[in-house]
Amino acid sequence: MQQKSITSQHQQGKPLTYGGCQWKVNVVLSTNYVAKVLRPEVQLEIYTTENVRIRMTVPVDKIEELRRQVASLLRQAQQIECVSYIN
């Protein structure tokens, strides 16, 4: 798979189109410097239909925050949809 630059896509004014993703949770139990369990991280790799691969590492607490915000938005959208059926 050939990778393209994300910035070149944005400079052309073309939005990227979601193609898929892979993720895994990485938990470091200890290191040579720290003898305690570190916070887990989610390693996320997003693919676009333009063959762009975006990699990021996000703390689990930020993923949980995102999950709650998306759930709240979906709940609000459902409430708006129900109101439109009533009227």
PDB file of N, CA and C in Angstrom:
ATOM      1  N   MET A   1       0.847  -1.177   0.000  1.00  0.00           N
ATOM      2  CA  MET A   1       0.000   0.000   0.000  1.00  0.00           C
ATOM      3  C   MET A   1       0.890   1.237   0.000  1.00  0.00           C
ATOM      4  N   GLN A   2       0.664   2.083  -0.918  1.00  0.00           N
ATOM      5  CA  GLN A   2       1.447   3.312  -1.013  1.00  0.00           C
ATOM      6  C   GLN A   2       0.802   4.387  -0.151  1.00  0.00           C
ATOM      7  N   GLN A   3       1.624   5.090   0.638  1.00  0.00           N
ATOM      8  CA  GLN A   3       1.102   6.131   1.516  1.00  0.00           C
ATOM      9  C   GLN A   3       1.254   7.497   0.857  1.00  0.00           C
ATOM     10  N   LYS A   4       0.264   8.333   1.072  1.00  0.00           N
ATOM     11  CA  LYS A   4       0.315   9.713   0.605  1.00  0.00           C
ATOM     12  C   LYS A   4       0.373  10.623   1.807  1.00  0.00           C
ATOM     13  N   SER A   5       0.838  11.812   1.611  1.00  0.00           N
ATOM     14  CA  SER A   5       0.930  12.772   2.704  1.00  0.00           C
ATOM     15  C   SER A   5      -0.445  13.333   3.037  1.00  0.00           C
ATOM     16  N   ILE A   6      -0.748  13.415   4.324  1.00  0.00           N
ATOM     17  CA  ILE A   6      -2.024  13.982   4.760  1.00  0.00           C
ATOM     18  C   ILE A   6      -2.089  15.453   4.400  1.00  0.00           C
ATOM     19  N   THR A   7      -0.980  16.166   4.582  1.00  0.00           N
ATOM     20  CA  THR A   7      -0.985  17.604   4.316  1.00  0.00           C
ATOM     21  C   THR A   7      -1.222  17.898   2.844  1.00  0.00           C
ATOM     22  N   SER A   8      -0.720  17.065   1.951  1.00  0.00           N
ATOM     23  CA  SER A   8      -0.935  17.323   0.527  1.00  0.00           C
ATOM     24  C   SER A   8      -2.416  17.188   0.179  1.00  0.00           C
ATOM     25  N   GLN A   9      -3.136  16.254   0.842  1.00  0.00           N
ATOM     26  CA  GLN A   9      -4.570  16.107   0.605  1.00  0.00           C
ATOM     27  C   GLN A   9      -5.320  17.355   1.083  1.00  0.00           C
ATOM     28  N   HIS A  10      -4.943  17.860   2.250  1.00  0.00           N
ATOM     29  CA  HIS A  10      -5.619  19.034   2.785  1.00  0.00           C
ATOM     30  C   HIS A  10      -5.297  20.281   1.977  1.00  0.00           C
ATOM     31  N   GLN A  11      -4.090  20.394   1.467  1.00  0.00           N
ATOM     32  CA  GLN A  11      -3.715  21.554   0.675  1.00  0.00           C
ATOM     33  C   GLN A  11      -4.522  21.602  -0.613  1.00  0.00           C
ATOM     34  N   GLN A  12      -4.904  20.448  -1.140  1.00  0.00           N
ATOM     35  CA  GLN A  12      -5.689  20.415  -2.360  1.00  0.00           C
ATOM     36  C   GLN A  12      -7.162  20.696  -2.080  1.00  0.00           C
ATOM     37  N   GLY A  13      -7.532  20.792  -0.807  1.00  0.00           N
ATOM     38  CA  GLY A  13      -8.913  21.075  -0.450  1.00  0.00           C
ATOM     39  C   GLY A  13      -9.818  19.863  -0.510  1.00  0.00           C
ATOM     40  N   LYS A  14      -9.265  18.673  -0.624  1.00  0.00           N
ATOM     41  CA  LYS A  14     -10.073  17.457  -0.696  1.00  0.00           C
ATOM     42  C   LYS A  14     -10.193  16.843   0.690  1.00  0.00           C
ATOM     43  N   PRO A  15     -11.415  16.585   1.150  1.00  0.00           N
ATOM     44  CA  PRO A  15     -11.561  15.901   2.437  1.00  0.00           C
ATOM     45  C   PRO A  15     -11.180  14.429   2.287  1.00  0.00           C
ATOM     46  N   LEU A  16     -10.638  13.854   3.344  1.00  0.00           N
ATOM     47  CA  LEU A  16     -10.290  12.448   3.332  1.00  0.00           C
ATOM     48  C   LEU A  16     -11.534  11.618   3.611  1.00  0.00           C
ATOM     49  N   THR A  17     -11.643  10.454   2.982  1.00  0.00           N
ATOM     50  CA  THR A  17     -12.790   9.575   3.134  1.00  0.00           C
ATOM     51  C   THR A  17     -12.382   8.344   3.929  1.00  0.00           C
ATOM     52  N   TYR A  18     -13.127   8.061   4.986  1.00  0.00           N
ATOM     53  CA  TYR A  18     -12.831   6.928   5.862  1.00  0.00           C
ATOM     54  C   TYR A  18     -12.917   5.617   5.105  1.00  0.00           C
ATOM     55  N   GLY A  19     -11.895   4.783   5.279  1.00  0.00           N
ATOM     56  CA  GLY A  19     -11.884   3.486   4.625  1.00  0.00           C
ATOM     57  C   GLY A  19     -11.896   2.326   5.603  1.00  0.00           C
ATOM     58  N   GLY A  20     -11.390   2.533   6.810  1.00  0.00           N
ATOM     59  CA  GLY A  20     -11.360   1.478   7.814  1.00  0.00           C
ATOM     60  C   GLY A  20     -10.355   1.815   8.893  1.00  0.00           C
ATOM     61  N   CYS A  21     -10.299   0.960   9.915  1.00  0.00           N
ATOM     62  CA  CYS A  21      -9.326   1.201  10.977  1.00  0.00           C
ATOM     63  C   CYS A  21      -8.962  -0.101  11.669  1.00  0.00           C
ATOM     64  N   GLN A  22      -7.827  -0.061  12.329  1.00  0.00           N
ATOM     65  CA  GLN A  22      -7.373  -1.145  13.197  1.00  0.00           C
ATOM     66  C   GLN A  22      -6.926  -0.503  14.493  1.00  0.00           C
ATOM     67  N   TRP A  23      -7.093  -1.214  15.600  1.00  0.00           N
ATOM     68  CA  TRP A  23      -6.677  -0.657  16.870  1.00  0.00           C
ATOM     69  C   TRP A  23      -6.252  -1.767  17.809  1.00  0.00           C
ATOM     70  N   LYS A  24      -5.452  -1.397  18.786  1.00  0.00           N
ATOM     71  CA  LYS A  24      -5.069  -2.330  19.837  1.00  0.00           C
ATOM     72  C   LYS A  24      -4.768  -1.529  21.092  1.00  0.00           C
ATOM     73  N   VAL A  25      -4.937  -2.179  22.233  1.00  0.00           N
ATOM     74  CA  VAL A  25      -4.654  -1.550  23.516  1.00  0.00           C
ATOM     75  C   VAL A  25      -3.275  -2.022  23.960  1.00  0.00           C
ATOM     76  N   ASN A  26      -2.420  -1.069  24.289  1.00  0.00           N
ATOM     77  CA  ASN A  26      -1.064  -1.357  24.706  1.00  0.00           C
ATOM     78  C   ASN A  26      -0.936  -1.030  26.190  1.00  0.00           C
ATOM     79  N   VAL A  27      -0.604  -2.034  27.000  1.00  0.00           N
ATOM     80  CA  VAL A  27      -0.421  -1.840  28.436  1.00  0.00           C
ATOM     81  C   VAL A  27       1.025  -2.171  28.778  1.00  0.00           C
ATOM     82  N   VAL A  28       1.753  -1.174  29.279  1.00  0.00           N
ATOM     83  CA  VAL A  28       3.139  -1.378  29.692  1.00  0.00           C
ATOM     84  C   VAL A  28       3.118  -1.704  31.186  1.00  0.00           C
ATOM     85  N   LEU A  29       3.576  -2.895  31.544  1.00  0.00           N
ATOM     86  CA  LEU A  29       3.562  -3.291  32.949  1.00  0.00           C
ATOM     87  C   LEU A  29       4.685  -2.637  33.736  1.00  0.00           C
ATOM     88  N   SER A  30       5.856  -2.534  33.144  1.00  0.00           N
ATOM     89  CA  SER A  30       6.961  -1.831  33.802  1.00  0.00           C
ATOM     90  C   SER A  30       8.048  -1.572  32.776  1.00  0.00           C
ATOM     91  N   THR A  31       8.943  -0.664  33.113  1.00  0.00           N
ATOM     92  CA  THR A  31      10.098  -0.364  32.270  1.00  0.00           C
ATOM     93  C   THR A  31      11.350  -0.456  33.127  1.00  0.00           C
ATOM     94  N   ASN A  32      12.494  -0.248  32.503  1.00  0.00           N
ATOM     95  CA  ASN A  32      13.743  -0.241  33.253  1.00  0.00           C
ATOM     96  C   ASN A  32      13.795   0.919  34.240  1.00  0.00           C
ATOM     97  N   TYR A  33      13.066   1.984  33.935  1.00  0.00           N
ATOM     98  CA  TYR A  33      13.113   3.191  34.750  1.00  0.00           C
ATOM     99  C   TYR A  33      11.976   3.270  35.761  1.00  0.00           C
ATOM    100  N   VAL A  34      10.830   2.706  35.422  1.00  0.00           N
ATOM    101  CA  VAL A  34       9.652   2.811  36.276  1.00  0.00           C
ATOM    102  C   VAL A  34       9.155   1.397  36.578  1.00  0.00           C
ATOM    103  N   ALA A  35       9.025   1.061  37.855  1.00  0.00           N
ATOM    104  CA  ALA A  35       8.589  -0.279  38.242  1.00  0.00           C
ATOM    105  C   ALA A  35       7.120  -0.293  38.627  1.00  0.00           C
ATOM    106  N   LYS A  36       6.280   0.370  37.850  1.00  0.00           N
ATOM    107  CA  LYS A  36       4.843   0.356  38.118  1.00  0.00           C
ATOM    108  C   LYS A  36       4.091   0.259  36.800  1.00  0.00           C
ATOM    109  N   VAL A  37       2.835  -0.073  36.897  1.00  0.00           N
ATOM    110  CA  VAL A  37       1.998  -0.182  35.709  1.00  0.00           C
ATOM    111  C   VAL A  37       1.698   1.217  35.194  1.00  0.00           C
ATOM    112  N   LEU A  38       1.956   1.431  33.923  1.00  0.00           N
ATOM    113  CA  LEU A  38       1.674   2.721  33.300  1.00  0.00           C
ATOM    114  C   LEU A  38       0.262   2.720  32.727  1.00  0.00           C
ATOM    115  N   ARG A  39      -0.243   3.880  32.406  1.00  0.00           N
ATOM    116  CA  ARG A  39      -1.593   3.980  31.848  1.00  0.00           C
ATOM    117  C   ARG A  39      -1.661   3.297  30.484  1.00  0.00           C
ATOM    118  N   PRO A  40      -2.736   2.540  30.250  1.00  0.00           N
ATOM    119  CA  PRO A  40      -2.893   1.902  28.942  1.00  0.00           C
ATOM    120  C   PRO A  40      -3.101   2.948  27.849  1.00  0.00           C
ATOM    121  N   GLU A  41      -2.679   2.605  26.646  1.00  0.00           N
ATOM    122  CA  GLU A  41      -2.860   3.481  25.483  1.00  0.00           C
ATOM    123  C   GLU A  41      -3.507   2.685  24.366  1.00  0.00           C
ATOM    124  N   VAL A  42      -4.280   3.368  23.553  1.00  0.00           N
ATOM    125  CA  VAL A  42      -4.879   2.761  22.372  1.00  0.00           C
ATOM    126  C   VAL A  42      -4.070   3.212  21.166  1.00  0.00           C
ATOM    127  N   GLN A  43      -3.545   2.239  20.435  1.00  0.00           N
ATOM    128  CA  GLN A  43      -2.836   2.545  19.193  1.00  0.00           C
ATOM    129  C   GLN A  43      -3.841   2.367  18.059  1.00  0.00           C
ATOM    130  N   LEU A  44      -4.128   3.459  17.380  1.00  0.00           N
ATOM    131  CA  LEU A  44      -5.174   3.506  16.364  1.00  0.00           C
ATOM    132  C   LEU A  44      -4.550   3.792  15.009  1.00  0.00           C
ATOM    133  N   GLU A  45      -4.966   3.022  14.014  1.00  0.00           N
ATOM    134  CA  GLU A  45      -4.500   3.237  12.646  1.00  0.00           C
ATOM    135  C   GLU A  45      -5.734   3.350  11.750  1.00  0.00           C
ATOM    136  N   ILE A  46      -5.913   4.519  11.149  1.00  0.00           N
ATOM    137  CA  ILE A  46      -7.070   4.797  10.299  1.00  0.00           C
ATOM    138  C   ILE A  46      -6.621   4.799   8.846  1.00  0.00           C
ATOM    139  N   TYR A  47      -7.381   4.108   8.007  1.00  0.00           N
ATOM    140  CA  TYR A  47      -7.109   4.065   6.573  1.00  0.00           C
ATOM    141  C   TYR A  47      -8.163   4.865   5.835  1.00  0.00           C
ATOM    142  N   THR A  48      -7.766   5.524   4.766  1.00  0.00           N
ATOM    143  CA  THR A  48      -8.722   6.250   3.935  1.00  0.00           C
ATOM    144  C   THR A  48      -8.817   5.572   2.577  1.00  0.00           C
ATOM    145  N   THR A  49      -9.846   5.930   1.829  1.00  0.00           N
ATOM    146  CA  THR A  49      -9.998   5.372   0.488  1.00  0.00           C
ATOM    147  C   THR A  49      -8.957   5.941  -0.475  1.00  0.00           C
ATOM    148  N   GLU A  50      -8.281   7.011  -0.054  1.00  0.00           N
ATOM    149  CA  GLU A  50      -7.214   7.607  -0.876  1.00  0.00           C
ATOM    150  C   GLU A  50      -5.850   6.993  -0.562  1.00  0.00           C
ATOM    151  N   ASN A  51      -5.837   5.852   0.149  1.00  0.00           N
ATOM    152  CA  ASN A  51      -4.611   5.144   0.544  1.00  0.00           C
ATOM    153  C   ASN A  51      -3.731   5.950   1.495  1.00  0.00           C
ATOM    154  N   VAL A  52      -4.344   6.729   2.350  1.00  0.00           N
ATOM    155  CA  VAL A  52      -3.616   7.453   3.384  1.00  0.00           C
ATOM    156  C   VAL A  52      -3.772   6.662   4.683  1.00  0.00           C
ATOM    157  N   ARG A  53      -2.675   6.473   5.372  1.00  0.00           N
ATOM    158  CA  ARG A  53      -2.689   5.772   6.652  1.00  0.00           C
ATOM    159  C   ARG A  53      -2.347   6.771   7.751  1.00  0.00           C
ATOM    160  N   ILE A  54      -3.229   6.919   8.722  1.00  0.00           N
ATOM    161  CA  ILE A  54      -3.029   7.853   9.826  1.00  0.00           C
ATOM    162  C   ILE A  54      -2.852   7.024  11.093  1.00  0.00           C
ATOM    163  N   ARG A  55      -1.712   7.201  11.754  1.00  0.00           N
ATOM    164  CA  ARG A  55      -1.439   6.467  12.990  1.00  0.00           C
ATOM    165  C   ARG A  55      -1.422   7.430  14.161  1.00  0.00           C
ATOM    166  N   MET A  56      -2.018   6.986  15.275  1.00  0.00           N
ATOM    167  CA  MET A  56      -1.995   7.816  16.485  1.00  0.00           C
ATOM    168  C   MET A  56      -2.053   6.921  17.713  1.00  0.00           C
ATOM    169  N   THR A  57      -1.539   7.459  18.809  1.00  0.00           N
ATOM    170  CA  THR A  57      -1.612   6.797  20.100  1.00  0.00           C
ATOM    171  C   THR A  57      -2.403   7.700  21.036  1.00  0.00           C
ATOM    172  N   VAL A  58      -3.451   7.140  21.628  1.00  0.00           N
ATOM    173  CA  VAL A  58      -4.368   7.917  22.454  1.00  0.00           C
ATOM    174  C   VAL A  58      -4.520   7.222  23.811  1.00  0.00           C
ATOM    175  N   PRO A  59      -4.444   7.983  24.917  1.00  0.00           N
ATOM    176  CA  PRO A  59      -4.688   7.366  26.230  1.00  0.00           C
ATOM    177  C   PRO A  59      -6.119   6.833  26.317  1.00  0.00           C
ATOM    178  N   VAL A  60      -6.294   5.753  27.065  1.00  0.00           N
ATOM    179  CA  VAL A  60      -7.607   5.125  27.197  1.00  0.00           C
ATOM    180  C   VAL A  60      -8.640   6.096  27.755  1.00  0.00           C
ATOM    181  N   ASP A  61      -8.246   6.972  28.682  1.00  0.00           N
ATOM    182  CA  ASP A  61      -9.222   7.915  29.241  1.00  0.00           C
ATOM    183  C   ASP A  61      -9.760   8.873  28.184  1.00  0.00           C
ATOM    184  N   LYS A  62      -8.960   9.232  27.189  1.00  0.00           N
ATOM    185  CA  LYS A  62      -9.443  10.096  26.102  1.00  0.00           C
ATOM    186  C   LYS A  62     -10.396   9.331  25.182  1.00  0.00           C
ATOM    187  N   ILE A  63     -10.140   8.039  24.973  1.00  0.00           N
ATOM    188  CA  ILE A  63     -11.047   7.209  24.171  1.00  0.00           C
ATOM    189  C   ILE A  63     -12.391   7.104  24.890  1.00  0.00           C
ATOM    190  N   GLU A  64     -12.360   6.923  26.207  1.00  0.00           N
ATOM    191  CA  GLU A  64     -13.600   6.866  26.990  1.00  0.00           C
ATOM    192  C   GLU A  64     -14.372   8.180  26.893  1.00  0.00           C
ATOM    193  N   GLU A  65     -13.658   9.305  26.950  1.00  0.00           N
ATOM    194  CA  GLU A  65     -14.304  10.611  26.809  1.00  0.00           C
ATOM    195  C   GLU A  65     -14.954  10.744  25.435  1.00  0.00           C
ATOM    196  N   LEU A  66     -14.255  10.324  24.398  1.00  0.00           N
ATOM    197  CA  LEU A  66     -14.801  10.357  23.039  1.00  0.00           C
ATOM    198  C   LEU A  66     -16.038   9.471  22.934  1.00  0.00           C
ATOM    199  N   ARG A  67     -15.986   8.283  23.521  1.00  0.00           N
ATOM    200  CA  ARG A  67     -17.116   7.359  23.493  1.00  0.00           C
ATOM    201  C   ARG A  67     -18.348   7.979  24.155  1.00  0.00           C
ATOM    202  N   ARG A  68     -18.152   8.637  25.295  1.00  0.00           N
ATOM    203  CA  ARG A  68     -19.276   9.279  25.983  1.00  0.00           C
ATOM    204  C   ARG A  68     -19.850  10.426  25.157  1.00  0.00           C
ATOM    205  N   GLN A  69     -18.988  11.208  24.526  1.00  0.00           N
ATOM    206  CA  GLN A  69     -19.470  12.329  23.712  1.00  0.00           C
ATOM    207  C   GLN A  69     -20.245  11.837  22.497  1.00  0.00           C
ATOM    208  N   VAL A  70     -19.759  10.787  21.850  1.00  0.00           N
ATOM    209  CA  VAL A  70     -20.462  10.231  20.689  1.00  0.00           C
ATOM    210  C   VAL A  70     -21.811   9.666  21.124  1.00  0.00           C
ATOM    211  N   ALA A  71     -21.851   8.954  22.262  1.00  0.00           N
ATOM    212  CA  ALA A  71     -23.117   8.412  22.766  1.00  0.00           C
ATOM    213  C   ALA A  71     -24.103   9.534  23.055  1.00  0.00           C
ATOM    214  N   SER A  72     -23.625  10.635  23.633  1.00  0.00           N
ATOM    215  CA  SER A  72     -24.489  11.773  23.922  1.00  0.00           C
ATOM    216  C   SER A  72     -25.036  12.387  22.632  1.00  0.00           C
ATOM    217  N   LEU A  73     -24.196  12.548  21.638  1.00  0.00           N
ATOM    218  CA  LEU A  73     -24.649  13.102  20.352  1.00  0.00           C
ATOM    219  C   LEU A  73     -25.669  12.194  19.679  1.00  0.00           C
ATOM    220  N   LEU A  74     -25.443  10.889  19.734  1.00  0.00           N
ATOM    221  CA  LEU A  74     -26.391   9.949  19.136  1.00  0.00           C
ATOM    222  C   LEU A  74     -27.734   9.992  19.864  1.00  0.00           C
ATOM    223  N   ARG A  75     -27.697  10.109  21.192  1.00  0.00           N
ATOM    224  CA  ARG A  75     -28.924  10.206  21.984  1.00  0.00           C
ATOM    225  C   ARG A  75     -29.682  11.480  21.620  1.00  0.00           C
ATOM    226  N   GLN A  76     -28.966  12.612  21.481  1.00  0.00           N
ATOM    227  CA  GLN A  76     -29.608  13.869  21.109  1.00  0.00           C
ATOM    228  C   GLN A  76     -30.196  13.789  19.705  1.00  0.00           C
ATOM    229  N   ALA A  77     -29.479  13.155  18.785  1.00  0.00           N
ATOM    230  CA  ALA A  77     -29.991  13.006  17.420  1.00  0.00           C
ATOM    231  C   ALA A  77     -31.252  12.151  17.411  1.00  0.00           C
ATOM    232  N   GLN A  78     -31.272  11.116  18.247  1.00  0.00           N
ATOM    233  CA  GLN A  78     -32.453  10.263  18.324  1.00  0.00           C
ATOM    234  C   GLN A  78     -33.637  11.031  18.895  1.00  0.00           C
ATOM    235  N   GLN A  79     -33.395  11.880  19.891  1.00  0.00           N
ATOM    236  CA  GLN A  79     -34.471  12.685  20.472  1.00  0.00           C
ATOM    237  C   GLN A  79     -35.031  13.656  19.441  1.00  0.00           C
ATOM    238  N   ILE A  80     -34.166  14.273  18.657  1.00  0.00           N
ATOM    239  CA  ILE A  80     -34.615  15.194  17.607  1.00  0.00           C
ATOM    240  C   ILE A  80     -35.430  14.440  16.568  1.00  0.00           C
ATOM    241  N   GLU A  81     -34.982  13.246  16.226  1.00  0.00           N
ATOM    242  CA  GLU A  81     -35.688  12.428  15.250  1.00  0.00           C
ATOM    243  C   GLU A  81     -37.082  12.043  15.763  1.00  0.00           C
ATOM    244  N   CYS A  82     -37.181  11.708  17.049  1.00  0.00           N
ATOM    245  CA  CYS A  82     -38.485  11.356  17.641  1.00  0.00           C
ATOM    246  C   CYS A  82     -39.423  12.556  17.647  1.00  0.00           C
ATOM    247  N   VAL A  83     -38.912  13.741  17.919  1.00  0.00           N
ATOM    248  CA  VAL A  83     -39.733  14.945  17.929  1.00  0.00           C
ATOM    249  C   VAL A  83     -40.271  15.223  16.534  1.00  0.00           C
ATOM    250  N   SER A  84     -39.468  14.986  15.508  1.00  0.00           N
ATOM    251  CA  SER A  84     -39.929  15.257  14.146  1.00  0.00           C
ATOM    252  C   SER A  84     -41.037  14.268  13.746  1.00  0.00           C
ATOM    253  N   TYR A  85     -41.021  13.032  14.277  1.00  0.00           N
ATOM    254  CA  TYR A  85     -42.104  12.077  13.988  1.00  0.00           C
ATOM    255  C   TYR A  85     -43.398  12.466  14.680  1.00  0.00           C
ATOM    256  N   ILE A  86     -43.289  13.058  15.868  1.00  0.00           N
ATOM    257  CA  ILE A  86     -44.473  13.477  16.616  1.00  0.00           C
ATOM    258  C   ILE A  86     -45.170  14.631  15.934  1.00  0.00           C
ATOM    259  N   ASN A  87     -44.400  15.578  15.397  1.00  0.00           N
ATOM    260  CA  ASN A  87     -44.984  16.763  14.754  1.00  0.00           C
ATOM    261  C   ASN A  87     -45.402  16.424  13.376  1.00  0.00           C
TER     262      ASN A  87
END
